[in-house]
C-alpha cells in the first residue's frame, strides 16, 4: 500500500463528501477508491467513513485521521516545494469566493497591490452571500466571517471583526433612544438576513427582532440606517467609516456579549492551497493589520 497516496485519496474523499469526486481527483475509479479505503480501514482497525449511495460522512476516527493526513501531506508538499523553486512561483488563475460586503470593504483595498506583487496571477472572484461549495465550484479559497460548520475545512484567520448596533442621529432626534439593550426591539429595526443569526441578534438573546425591513444585503440595510430608518446590527467594517464621520452612532458599545468574530481565508486543505492562494492570504492579512493598527 502506498500510504501517502492512500492518505491523499482519503483526504479527497473526506473533504469532497463523495467517492466519485475524491477518486476522480486522483484518476481512480470509485470502486478502486472504495477498496483502497476499505483496506486502509482494515489496516487501522476502525472505520473512517460511513458510506451511503449518495455520499460519505466521517466517523470520529475519520475526523482524527483526516487532521493527521492533512498535517502529513502538508509537510511533504512543503518539503517538495522547498526543493523545487519553480513550483513556488506565484502564477496562474486564483479563484476566490466572497460576500458582497467582504469584497467591497475588505478585499477591494487588497486587489491592486496584490496584482502588482504577482503579475503572473489572474484573479477570478465570485460574489455570493451564500456559503459556496469549494470542491464543487473549484475555488482556491473563500473569505468568510464567523465559525465554520465543517471540520474538514482549513481556516486562516485574517482579522477579528465585531457586529455593532448602529443608528443615525436623525432617527434619535425623532424617536429618542433605547435606555437598555432589551428595549432595542421596541424601536424600528433593520435586519440584514445574510448572517446566520438573522433577526435574532446575539446582543439581545431570547428576543426575535420584528423588523421594518428584512433584506439579504448589508449594504442596503446600512444605507437605510444612514437615512434614519431605524437601528441596524452590522459588521464594523461595513459601518466603520459612517461611525467615524458621524453618519451613524454606535449603541451599547460596552455590551458584555459583543465578542469579536473572525474573518477567515478558508480552503480545503494545505494540499489544495496554491502559491497564489498563499500569497493572497498573506497580502490580505498584512493589509488588514495595517488598516486596524
C-alpha atoms as a PDB file:
ATOM      1  CA  UNK A   1       0.000   0.000   0.000  1.00  0.00           C
ATOM      2  CA  UNK A   2       1.305   3.429  -0.996  1.00  0.00           C
ATOM      3  CA  UNK A   3       0.361   5.062   2.300  1.00  0.00           C
ATOM      4  CA  UNK A   4       0.911   8.675   1.174  1.00  0.00           C
ATOM      5  CA  UNK A   5      -1.220   8.191  -1.955  1.00  0.00           C
ATOM      6  CA  UNK A   6      -3.861   6.468   0.188  1.00  0.00           C
ATOM      7  CA  UNK A   7      -3.817   9.418   2.597  1.00  0.00           C
ATOM      8  CA  UNK A   8      -4.332  11.758  -0.347  1.00  0.00           C
ATOM      9  CA  UNK A   9      -7.240   9.647  -1.575  1.00  0.00           C
ATOM     10  CA  UNK A  10      -8.861   9.564   1.859  1.00  0.00           C
ATOM     11  CA  UNK A  11      -8.428  13.350   2.200  1.00  0.00           C
ATOM     12  CA  UNK A  12     -10.002  13.959  -1.209  1.00  0.00           C
ATOM     13  CA  UNK A  13     -12.971  11.688  -0.458  1.00  0.00           C
ATOM     14  CA  UNK A  14     -13.486  13.072   3.058  1.00  0.00           C
ATOM     15  CA  UNK A  15     -13.367  16.732   2.020  1.00  0.00           C
ATOM     16  CA  UNK A  16     -15.466  16.299  -1.125  1.00  0.00           C
ATOM     17  CA  UNK A  17     -18.055  14.095   0.580  1.00  0.00           C
ATOM     18  CA  UNK A  18     -18.302  11.606  -2.284  1.00  0.00           C
ATOM     19  CA  UNK A  19     -16.249   8.680  -3.550  1.00  0.00           C
ATOM     20  CA  UNK A  20     -16.785   9.822  -7.133  1.00  0.00           C
ATOM     21  CA  UNK A  21     -15.286  13.292  -6.657  1.00  0.00           C
ATOM     22  CA  UNK A  22     -12.491  12.026  -4.440  1.00  0.00           C
ATOM     23  CA  UNK A  23     -11.454   9.225  -6.766  1.00  0.00           C
ATOM     24  CA  UNK A  24     -11.628  11.478  -9.827  1.00  0.00           C
ATOM     25  CA  UNK A  25      -9.101  13.880  -8.275  1.00  0.00           C
ATOM     26  CA  UNK A  26      -6.555  11.043  -8.190  1.00  0.00           C
ATOM     27  CA  UNK A  27      -7.516   9.447 -11.500  1.00  0.00           C
ATOM     28  CA  UNK A  28      -9.125   6.365  -9.923  1.00  0.00           C
ATOM     29  CA  UNK A  29     -12.475   4.669 -10.360  1.00  0.00           C
ATOM     30  CA  UNK A  30     -14.930   4.884  -7.414  1.00  0.00           C
ATOM     31  CA  UNK A  31     -14.738   1.110  -6.935  1.00  0.00           C
ATOM     32  CA  UNK A  32     -10.932   1.213  -6.716  1.00  0.00           C
ATOM     33  CA  UNK A  33     -11.125   4.114  -4.291  1.00  0.00           C
ATOM     34  CA  UNK A  34     -13.656   2.256  -2.149  1.00  0.00           C
ATOM     35  CA  UNK A  35     -11.451  -0.876  -1.997  1.00  0.00           C
ATOM     36  CA  UNK A  36      -8.376   1.188  -1.151  1.00  0.00           C
ATOM     37  CA  UNK A  37     -10.131   2.950   1.734  1.00  0.00           C
ATOM     38  CA  UNK A  38     -11.555  -0.350   2.966  1.00  0.00           C
ATOM     39  CA  UNK A  39      -8.011  -1.770   3.022  1.00  0.00           C
ATOM     40  CA  UNK A  40      -6.900   1.336   4.955  1.00  0.00           C
ATOM     41  CA  UNK A  41      -9.711   0.902   7.486  1.00  0.00           C
ATOM     42  CA  UNK A  42      -8.793  -2.775   7.929  1.00  0.00           C
ATOM     43  CA  UNK A  43      -5.163  -1.820   8.450  1.00  0.00           C
ATOM     44  CA  UNK A  44      -6.087   0.814  11.040  1.00  0.00           C
ATOM     45  CA  UNK A  45      -8.632  -1.439  12.739  1.00  0.00           C
ATOM     46  CA  UNK A  46     -11.513   1.054  12.747  1.00  0.00           C
ATOM     47  CA  UNK A  47     -13.994   2.579  10.256  1.00  0.00           C
ATOM     48  CA  UNK A  48     -13.158   6.017   8.894  1.00  0.00           C
ATOM     49  CA  UNK A  49     -16.171   6.650   6.653  1.00  0.00           C
ATOM     50  CA  UNK A  50     -19.885   5.912   6.672  1.00  0.00           C
ATOM     51  CA  UNK A  51     -20.952   5.259   3.083  1.00  0.00           C
ATOM     52  CA  UNK A  52     -24.393   5.776   1.549  1.00  0.00           C
ATOM     53  CA  UNK A  53     -25.476   5.596  -2.068  1.00  0.00           C
ATOM     54  CA  UNK A  54     -25.149   9.386  -2.415  1.00  0.00           C
ATOM     55  CA  UNK A  55     -22.297  10.482  -0.184  1.00  0.00           C
ATOM     56  CA  UNK A  56     -19.900   9.630   2.604  1.00  0.00           C
ATOM     57  CA  UNK A  57     -19.503  11.082   6.096  1.00  0.00           C
ATOM     58  CA  UNK A  58     -16.629  10.744   8.529  1.00  0.00           C
ATOM     59  CA  UNK A  59     -16.693   8.825  11.775  1.00  0.00           C
ATOM     60  CA  UNK A  60     -14.947  10.329  14.811  1.00  0.00           C
ATOM     61  CA  UNK A  61     -11.913   8.232  13.944  1.00  0.00           C
ATOM     62  CA  UNK A  62     -12.134   9.535  10.377  1.00  0.00           C
ATOM     63  CA  UNK A  63     -12.086  13.148  11.580  1.00  0.00           C
ATOM     64  CA  UNK A  64      -8.989  12.472  13.672  1.00  0.00           C
ATOM     65  CA  UNK A  65      -7.297  10.651  10.804  1.00  0.00           C
ATOM     66  CA  UNK A  66      -8.161  13.448   8.355  1.00  0.00           C
ATOM     67  CA  UNK A  67      -6.414  16.015  10.551  1.00  0.00           C
ATOM     68  CA  UNK A  68      -3.300  13.825  10.670  1.00  0.00           C
ATOM     69  CA  UNK A  69      -3.419  13.211   6.910  1.00  0.00           C
ATOM     70  CA  UNK A  70      -3.643  16.944   6.215  1.00  0.00           C
ATOM     71  CA  UNK A  71      -0.714  17.618   8.544  1.00  0.00           C
ATOM     72  CA  UNK A  72       1.484  14.939   6.967  1.00  0.00           C
ATOM     73  CA  UNK A  73       0.529  15.773   3.373  1.00  0.00           C
ATOM     74  CA  UNK A  74       1.121  19.461   4.064  1.00  0.00           C
ATOM     75  CA  UNK A  75       4.568  18.700   5.470  1.00  0.00           C
ATOM     76  CA  UNK A  76       5.506  16.509   2.495  1.00  0.00           C
ATOM     77  CA  UNK A  77       4.236  19.066  -0.023  1.00  0.00           C
ATOM     78  CA  UNK A  78       6.021  21.921   1.739  1.00  0.00           C
ATOM     79  CA  UNK A  79       9.224  19.869   1.663  1.00  0.00           C
ATOM     80  CA  UNK A  80       8.752  19.184  -2.046  1.00  0.00           C
ATOM     81  CA  UNK A  81       8.080  22.858  -2.777  1.00  0.00           C
ATOM     82  CA  UNK A  82      11.150  23.934  -0.848  1.00  0.00           C
ATOM     83  CA  UNK A  83      13.302  21.806  -3.188  1.00  0.00           C
ATOM     84  CA  UNK A  84      11.539  22.999  -6.326  1.00  0.00           C
ATOM     85  CA  UNK A  85      11.841  26.746  -6.746  1.00  0.00           C
ATOM     86  CA  UNK A  86       9.731  26.820  -9.862  1.00  0.00           C
ATOM     87  CA  UNK A  87       6.827  25.149  -8.041  1.00  0.00           C
ATOM     88  CA  UNK A  88       6.743  28.113  -5.673  1.00  0.00           C
ATOM     89  CA  UNK A  89       6.352  30.605  -8.489  1.00  0.00           C
ATOM     90  CA  UNK A  90       3.184  32.627  -7.966  1.00  0.00           C
ATOM     91  CA  UNK A  91       1.218  32.348 -11.191  1.00  0.00           C
ATOM     92  CA  UNK A  92      -1.978  31.036 -12.741  1.00  0.00           C
ATOM     93  CA  UNK A  93      -5.647  31.835 -12.060  1.00  0.00           C
ATOM     94  CA  UNK A  94      -6.749  32.376  -8.470  1.00  0.00           C
ATOM     95  CA  UNK A  95     -10.460  31.694  -7.862  1.00  0.00           C
ATOM     96  CA  UNK A  96     -11.966  33.303  -4.764  1.00  0.00           C
ATOM     97  CA  UNK A  97     -15.499  33.342  -3.348  1.00  0.00           C
ATOM     98  CA  UNK A  98     -16.631  36.178  -1.074  1.00  0.00           C
ATOM     99  CA  UNK A  99     -19.748  38.022   0.014  1.00  0.00           C
ATOM    100  CA  UNK A 100     -20.653  41.445  -1.358  1.00  0.00           C
ATOM    101  CA  UNK A 101     -19.731  43.215   1.887  1.00  0.00           C
ATOM    102  CA  UNK A 102     -16.425  41.386   2.302  1.00  0.00           C
ATOM    103  CA  UNK A 103     -15.439  42.160  -1.294  1.00  0.00           C
ATOM    104  CA  UNK A 104     -16.256  45.869  -1.034  1.00  0.00           C
ATOM    105  CA  UNK A 105     -14.929  46.643   2.423  1.00  0.00           C
ATOM    106  CA  UNK A 106     -12.096  44.186   2.796  1.00  0.00           C
ATOM    107  CA  UNK A 107     -10.850  42.659  -0.460  1.00  0.00           C
ATOM    108  CA  UNK A 108     -11.033  45.691  -2.735  1.00  0.00           C
ATOM    109  CA  UNK A 109      -8.223  47.522  -0.893  1.00  0.00           C
ATOM    110  CA  UNK A 110      -6.037  44.410  -1.322  1.00  0.00           C
ATOM    111  CA  UNK A 111      -6.559  43.668  -5.017  1.00  0.00           C
ATOM    112  CA  UNK A 112      -4.432  46.303  -6.791  1.00  0.00           C
ATOM    113  CA  UNK A 113      -1.444  45.794  -4.508  1.00  0.00           C
ATOM    114  CA  UNK A 114      -1.680  42.000  -4.849  1.00  0.00           C
ATOM    115  CA  UNK A 115      -1.843  42.160  -8.655  1.00  0.00           C
ATOM    116  CA  UNK A 116       1.211  44.454  -8.659  1.00  0.00           C
ATOM    117  CA  UNK A 117       3.110  41.989  -6.478  1.00  0.00           C
ATOM    118  CA  UNK A 118       2.038  38.944  -8.526  1.00  0.00           C
ATOM    119  CA  UNK A 119       1.982  39.965 -12.212  1.00  0.00           C
ATOM    120  CA  UNK A 120       1.606  36.360 -13.434  1.00  0.00           C
ATOM    121  CA  UNK A 121      -1.615  35.786 -11.468  1.00  0.00           C
ATOM    122  CA  UNK A 122      -5.123  36.300 -12.873  1.00  0.00           C
ATOM    123  CA  UNK A 123      -7.975  36.854 -10.421  1.00  0.00           C
ATOM    124  CA  UNK A 124     -11.470  35.399 -10.678  1.00  0.00           C
ATOM    125  CA  UNK A 125     -13.745  36.479  -7.807  1.00  0.00           C
ATOM    126  CA  UNK A 126     -17.311  35.193  -7.481  1.00  0.00           C
ATOM    127  CA  UNK A 127     -19.594  37.253  -5.251  1.00  0.00           C
ATOM    128  CA  UNK A 128     -22.254  35.390  -3.287  1.00  0.00           C
ATOM    129  CA  UNK A 129     -23.804  35.872   0.131  1.00  0.00           C
ATOM    130  CA  UNK A 130     -24.365  32.095   0.347  1.00  0.00           C
ATOM    131  CA  UNK A 131     -21.717  29.651   1.530  1.00  0.00           C
ATOM    132  CA  UNK A 132     -20.497  28.036  -1.684  1.00  0.00           C
ATOM    133  CA  UNK A 133     -19.076  24.531  -2.010  1.00  0.00           C
ATOM    134  CA  UNK A 134     -15.339  24.940  -2.574  1.00  0.00           C
ATOM    135  CA  UNK A 135     -14.934  21.482  -4.110  1.00  0.00           C
ATOM    136  CA  UNK A 136     -17.886  21.592  -6.480  1.00  0.00           C
ATOM    137  CA  UNK A 137     -17.064  25.089  -7.730  1.00  0.00           C
ATOM    138  CA  UNK A 138     -13.291  24.566  -7.788  1.00  0.00           C
ATOM    139  CA  UNK A 139     -12.450  27.633  -5.693  1.00  0.00           C
ATOM    140  CA  UNK A 140      -8.928  28.060  -4.367  1.00  0.00           C
ATOM    141  CA  UNK A 141     -10.285  29.766  -1.273  1.00  0.00           C
ATOM    142  CA  UNK A 142     -13.230  31.651   0.170  1.00  0.00           C
ATOM    143  CA  UNK A 143     -13.243  34.593   2.557  1.00  0.00           C
ATOM    144  CA  UNK A 144     -15.862  34.098   5.246  1.00  0.00           C
ATOM    145  CA  UNK A 145     -16.997  35.614   8.508  1.00  0.00           C
ATOM    146  CA  UNK A 146     -17.789  33.524  11.572  1.00  0.00           C
ATOM    147  CA  UNK A 147     -17.432  29.981  12.856  1.00  0.00           C
ATOM    148  CA  UNK A 148     -17.030  27.252  10.261  1.00  0.00           C
ATOM    149  CA  UNK A 149     -19.616  24.467  10.072  1.00  0.00           C
ATOM    150  CA  UNK A 150     -17.353  21.838   8.528  1.00  0.00           C
ATOM    151  CA  UNK A 151     -14.399  20.466  10.469  1.00  0.00           C
ATOM    152  CA  UNK A 152     -12.870  19.305   7.175  1.00  0.00           C
ATOM    153  CA  UNK A 153     -12.117  22.888   6.104  1.00  0.00           C
ATOM    154  CA  UNK A 154      -8.899  24.685   6.982  1.00  0.00           C
ATOM    155  CA  UNK A 155      -9.147  28.336   8.004  1.00  0.00           C
ATOM    156  CA  UNK A 156      -6.548  31.076   8.355  1.00  0.00           C
ATOM    157  CA  UNK A 157      -7.719  33.989  10.463  1.00  0.00           C
ATOM    158  CA  UNK A 158      -7.183  37.291   8.684  1.00  0.00           C
ATOM    159  CA  UNK A 159      -8.678  39.579  11.330  1.00  0.00           C
ATOM    160  CA  UNK A 160     -11.264  39.958  14.048  1.00  0.00           C
ATOM    161  CA  UNK A 161     -14.477  41.854  13.366  1.00  0.00           C
ATOM    162  CA  UNK A 162     -17.351  42.963  15.582  1.00  0.00           C
ATOM    163  CA  UNK A 163     -21.009  43.332  14.756  1.00  0.00           C
ATOM    164  CA  UNK A 164     -22.343  46.645  16.069  1.00  0.00           C
ATOM    165  CA  UNK A 165     -25.710  48.159  16.898  1.00  0.00           C
ATOM    166  CA  UNK A 166     -25.852  51.448  14.999  1.00  0.00           C
ATOM    167  CA  UNK A 167     -28.349  54.201  14.344  1.00  0.00           C
ATOM    168  CA  UNK A 168     -28.383  57.596  12.621  1.00  0.00           C
ATOM    169  CA  UNK A 169     -28.522  60.810  14.687  1.00  0.00           C
ATOM    170  CA  UNK A 170     -31.626  61.839  12.726  1.00  0.00           C
ATOM    171  CA  UNK A 171     -33.505  58.761  13.962  1.00  0.00           C
ATOM    172  CA  UNK A 172     -32.642  59.664  17.551  1.00  0.00           C
ATOM    173  CA  UNK A 173     -33.899  63.196  17.073  1.00  0.00           C
ATOM    174  CA  UNK A 174     -37.302  61.895  16.021  1.00  0.00           C
ATOM    175  CA  UNK A 175     -37.691  58.826  18.214  1.00  0.00           C
ATOM    176  CA  UNK A 176     -35.323  59.016  21.163  1.00  0.00           C
ATOM    177  CA  UNK A 177     -33.005  56.213  22.214  1.00  0.00           C
ATOM    178  CA  UNK A 178     -33.491  52.838  23.934  1.00  0.00           C
ATOM    179  CA  UNK A 179     -32.245  53.028  27.518  1.00  0.00           C
ATOM    180  CA  UNK A 180     -31.267  49.332  27.639  1.00  0.00           C
ATOM    181  CA  UNK A 181     -30.420  46.586  25.167  1.00  0.00           C
ATOM    182  CA  UNK A 182     -33.660  44.815  25.978  1.00  0.00           C
ATOM    183  CA  UNK A 183     -35.634  47.815  24.705  1.00  0.00           C
ATOM    184  CA  UNK A 184     -33.965  47.915  21.270  1.00  0.00           C
ATOM    185  CA  UNK A 185     -36.604  45.630  19.621  1.00  0.00           C
ATOM    186  CA  UNK A 186     -39.291  48.132  20.671  1.00  0.00           C
ATOM    187  CA  UNK A 187     -37.792  50.629  18.223  1.00  0.00           C
ATOM    188  CA  UNK A 188     -37.689  50.453  14.417  1.00  0.00           C
ATOM    189  CA  UNK A 189     -35.115  47.823  13.445  1.00  0.00           C
ATOM    190  CA  UNK A 190     -33.491  46.920  10.145  1.00  0.00           C
ATOM    191  CA  UNK A 191     -32.371  43.294   9.600  1.00  0.00           C
ATOM    192  CA  UNK A 192     -29.668  42.003   7.290  1.00  0.00           C
ATOM    193  CA  UNK A 193     -30.723  38.388   6.689  1.00  0.00           C
ATOM    194  CA  UNK A 194     -27.322  37.266   5.376  1.00  0.00           C
ATOM    195  CA  UNK A 195     -25.780  36.321   8.781  1.00  0.00           C
ATOM    196  CA  UNK A 196     -26.956  33.033  10.283  1.00  0.00           C
ATOM    197  CA  UNK A 197     -28.469  34.818  13.281  1.00  0.00           C
ATOM    198  CA  UNK A 198     -30.826  36.801  11.008  1.00  0.00           C
ATOM    199  CA  UNK A 199     -33.460  38.524  13.124  1.00  0.00           C
ATOM    200  CA  UNK A 200     -32.264  37.004  16.414  1.00  0.00           C
ATOM    201  CA  UNK A 201     -29.479  39.390  17.290  1.00  0.00           C
ATOM    202  CA  UNK A 202     -26.900  37.821  19.676  1.00  0.00           C
ATOM    203  CA  UNK A 203     -26.700  41.020  21.760  1.00  0.00           C
ATOM    204  CA  UNK A 204     -30.380  40.634  22.652  1.00  0.00           C
ATOM    205  CA  UNK A 205     -30.798  36.925  23.488  1.00  0.00           C
ATOM    206  CA  UNK A 206     -34.289  35.495  23.618  1.00  0.00           C
ATOM    207  CA  UNK A 207     -35.920  38.219  21.534  1.00  0.00           C
ATOM    208  CA  UNK A 208     -36.948  37.993  17.899  1.00  0.00           C
ATOM    209  CA  UNK A 209     -36.471  41.271  16.068  1.00  0.00           C
ATOM    210  CA  UNK A 210     -39.663  42.440  14.367  1.00  0.00           C
ATOM    211  CA  UNK A 211     -38.194  44.408  11.503  1.00  0.00           C
ATOM    212  CA  UNK A 212     -39.439  47.184   9.252  1.00  0.00           C
ATOM    213  CA  UNK A 213     -37.033  45.871   6.623  1.00  0.00           C
ATOM    214  CA  UNK A 214     -35.577  42.397   6.231  1.00  0.00           C
ATOM    215  CA  UNK A 215     -33.168  42.429   3.302  1.00  0.00           C
ATOM    216  CA  UNK A 216     -30.485  39.990   2.178  1.00  0.00           C
ATOM    217  CA  UNK A 217     -27.913  42.714   1.682  1.00  0.00           C
ATOM    218  CA  UNK A 218     -25.921  44.506   4.371  1.00  0.00           C
ATOM    219  CA  UNK A 219     -25.184  47.462   2.114  1.00  0.00           C
ATOM    220  CA  UNK A 220     -28.873  48.206   1.645  1.00  0.00           C
ATOM    221  CA  UNK A 221     -29.506  47.878   5.378  1.00  0.00           C
ATOM    222  CA  UNK A 222     -26.593  50.234   6.021  1.00  0.00           C
ATOM    223  CA  UNK A 223     -27.994  52.842   3.604  1.00  0.00           C
ATOM    224  CA  UNK A 224     -31.402  52.658   5.289  1.00  0.00           C
ATOM    225  CA  UNK A 225     -29.780  53.100   8.687  1.00  0.00           C
ATOM    226  CA  UNK A 226     -27.828  56.142   7.463  1.00  0.00           C
ATOM    227  CA  UNK A 227     -31.094  57.542   6.095  1.00  0.00           C
ATOM    228  CA  UNK A 228     -32.564  57.401   9.605  1.00  0.00           C
ATOM    229  CA  UNK A 229     -34.961  54.493   9.090  1.00  0.00           C
ATOM    230  CA  UNK A 230     -34.027  52.539  12.203  1.00  0.00           C
ATOM    231  CA  UNK A 231     -31.462  50.599  14.220  1.00  0.00           C
ATOM    232  CA  UNK A 232     -29.215  48.084  12.433  1.00  0.00           C
ATOM    233  CA  UNK A 233     -26.810  45.339  13.530  1.00  0.00           C
ATOM    234  CA  UNK A 234     -23.906  45.298  11.069  1.00  0.00           C
ATOM    235  CA  UNK A 235     -20.177  44.408  10.917  1.00  0.00           C
ATOM    236  CA  UNK A 236     -17.724  47.127  11.912  1.00  0.00           C
ATOM    237  CA  UNK A 237     -16.004  47.048   8.522  1.00  0.00           C
ATOM    238  CA  UNK A 238     -19.345  47.925   6.876  1.00  0.00           C
ATOM    239  CA  UNK A 239     -20.249  50.826   9.183  1.00  0.00           C
ATOM    240  CA  UNK A 240     -16.816  51.932  10.470  1.00  0.00           C
ATOM    241  CA  UNK A 241     -16.496  54.924   8.134  1.00  0.00           C
ATOM    242  CA  UNK A 242     -20.049  56.020   8.908  1.00  0.00           C
ATOM    243  CA  UNK A 243     -19.325  55.978  12.645  1.00  0.00           C
ATOM    244  CA  UNK A 244     -16.045  57.882  12.240  1.00  0.00           C
ATOM    245  CA  UNK A 245     -17.706  60.527  10.061  1.00  0.00           C
ATOM    246  CA  UNK A 246     -20.795  60.898  12.256  1.00  0.00           C
ATOM    247  CA  UNK A 247     -23.404  59.422   9.929  1.00  0.00           C
ATOM    248  CA  UNK A 248     -24.068  56.617  12.417  1.00  0.00           C
ATOM    249  CA  UNK A 249     -23.748  56.252  16.177  1.00  0.00           C
ATOM    250  CA  UNK A 250     -22.782  53.001  17.903  1.00  0.00           C
ATOM    251  CA  UNK A 251     -25.175  51.878  20.635  1.00  0.00           C
ATOM    252  CA  UNK A 252     -24.182  49.944  23.773  1.00  0.00           C
ATOM    253  CA  UNK A 253     -20.546  49.564  22.742  1.00  0.00           C
ATOM    254  CA  UNK A 254     -19.701  48.035  26.127  1.00  0.00           C
ATOM    255  CA  UNK A 255     -22.261  45.232  25.825  1.00  0.00           C
ATOM    256  CA  UNK A 256     -20.767  42.176  27.532  1.00  0.00           C
ATOM    257  CA  UNK A 257     -21.648  39.832  24.666  1.00  0.00           C
ATOM    258  CA  UNK A 258     -20.049  41.938  21.929  1.00  0.00           C
ATOM    259  CA  UNK A 259     -17.437  39.266  21.195  1.00  0.00           C
ATOM    260  CA  UNK A 260     -15.148  39.542  18.165  1.00  0.00           C
ATOM    261  CA  UNK A 261     -15.936  37.314  15.191  1.00  0.00           C
ATOM    262  CA  UNK A 262     -13.183  36.032  12.950  1.00  0.00           C
ATOM    263  CA  UNK A 263     -12.691  36.886   9.297  1.00  0.00           C
ATOM    264  CA  UNK A 264     -11.107  33.838   7.640  1.00  0.00           C
ATOM    265  CA  UNK A 265      -9.495  32.687   4.434  1.00  0.00           C
ATOM    266  CA  UNK A 266     -10.983  29.197   4.051  1.00  0.00           C
ATOM    267  CA  UNK A 267      -9.655  26.358   1.898  1.00  0.00           C
ATOM    268  CA  UNK A 268      -9.990  22.605   1.610  1.00  0.00           C
ATOM    269  CA  UNK A 269      -6.567  21.555   2.860  1.00  0.00           C
ATOM    270  CA  UNK A 270      -2.923  22.552   2.799  1.00  0.00           C
ATOM    271  CA  UNK A 271      -2.591  20.209  -0.160  1.00  0.00           C
ATOM    272  CA  UNK A 272      -5.086  22.362  -2.124  1.00  0.00           C
ATOM    273  CA  UNK A 273      -3.510  25.724  -1.304  1.00  0.00           C
ATOM    274  CA  UNK A 274      -1.649  27.040  -4.332  1.00  0.00           C
ATOM    275  CA  UNK A 275       1.267  29.507  -4.074  1.00  0.00           C
ATOM    276  CA  UNK A 276      -1.095  32.185  -5.433  1.00  0.00           C
ATOM    277  CA  UNK A 277      -3.648  31.472  -2.697  1.00  0.00           C
ATOM    278  CA  UNK A 278      -0.921  31.560  -0.051  1.00  0.00           C
ATOM    279  CA  UNK A 279       0.336  34.877  -1.395  1.00  0.00           C
ATOM    280  CA  UNK A 280      -3.135  36.371  -1.455  1.00  0.00           C
ATOM    281  CA  UNK A 281      -3.926  35.272   2.112  1.00  0.00           C
ATOM    282  CA  UNK A 282      -0.657  36.752   3.361  1.00  0.00           C
ATOM    283  CA  UNK A 283      -1.210  40.013   1.466  1.00  0.00           C
ATOM    284  CA  UNK A 284      -4.759  40.332   2.784  1.00  0.00           C
ATOM    285  CA  UNK A 285      -3.683  39.608   6.349  1.00  0.00           C
ATOM    286  CA  UNK A 286      -0.904  42.201   6.189  1.00  0.00           C
ATOM    287  CA  UNK A 287      -3.136  44.840   4.592  1.00  0.00           C
ATOM    288  CA  UNK A 288      -5.828  44.424   7.212  1.00  0.00           C
ATOM    289  CA  UNK A 289      -3.258  44.569  10.003  1.00  0.00           C
ATOM    290  CA  UNK A 290      -2.129  47.966   8.724  1.00  0.00           C
ATOM    291  CA  UNK A 291      -5.714  49.228   8.485  1.00  0.00           C
ATOM    292  CA  UNK A 292      -6.552  48.250  12.056  1.00  0.00           C
ATOM    293  CA  UNK A 293      -3.260  49.188  13.743  1.00  0.00           C
END
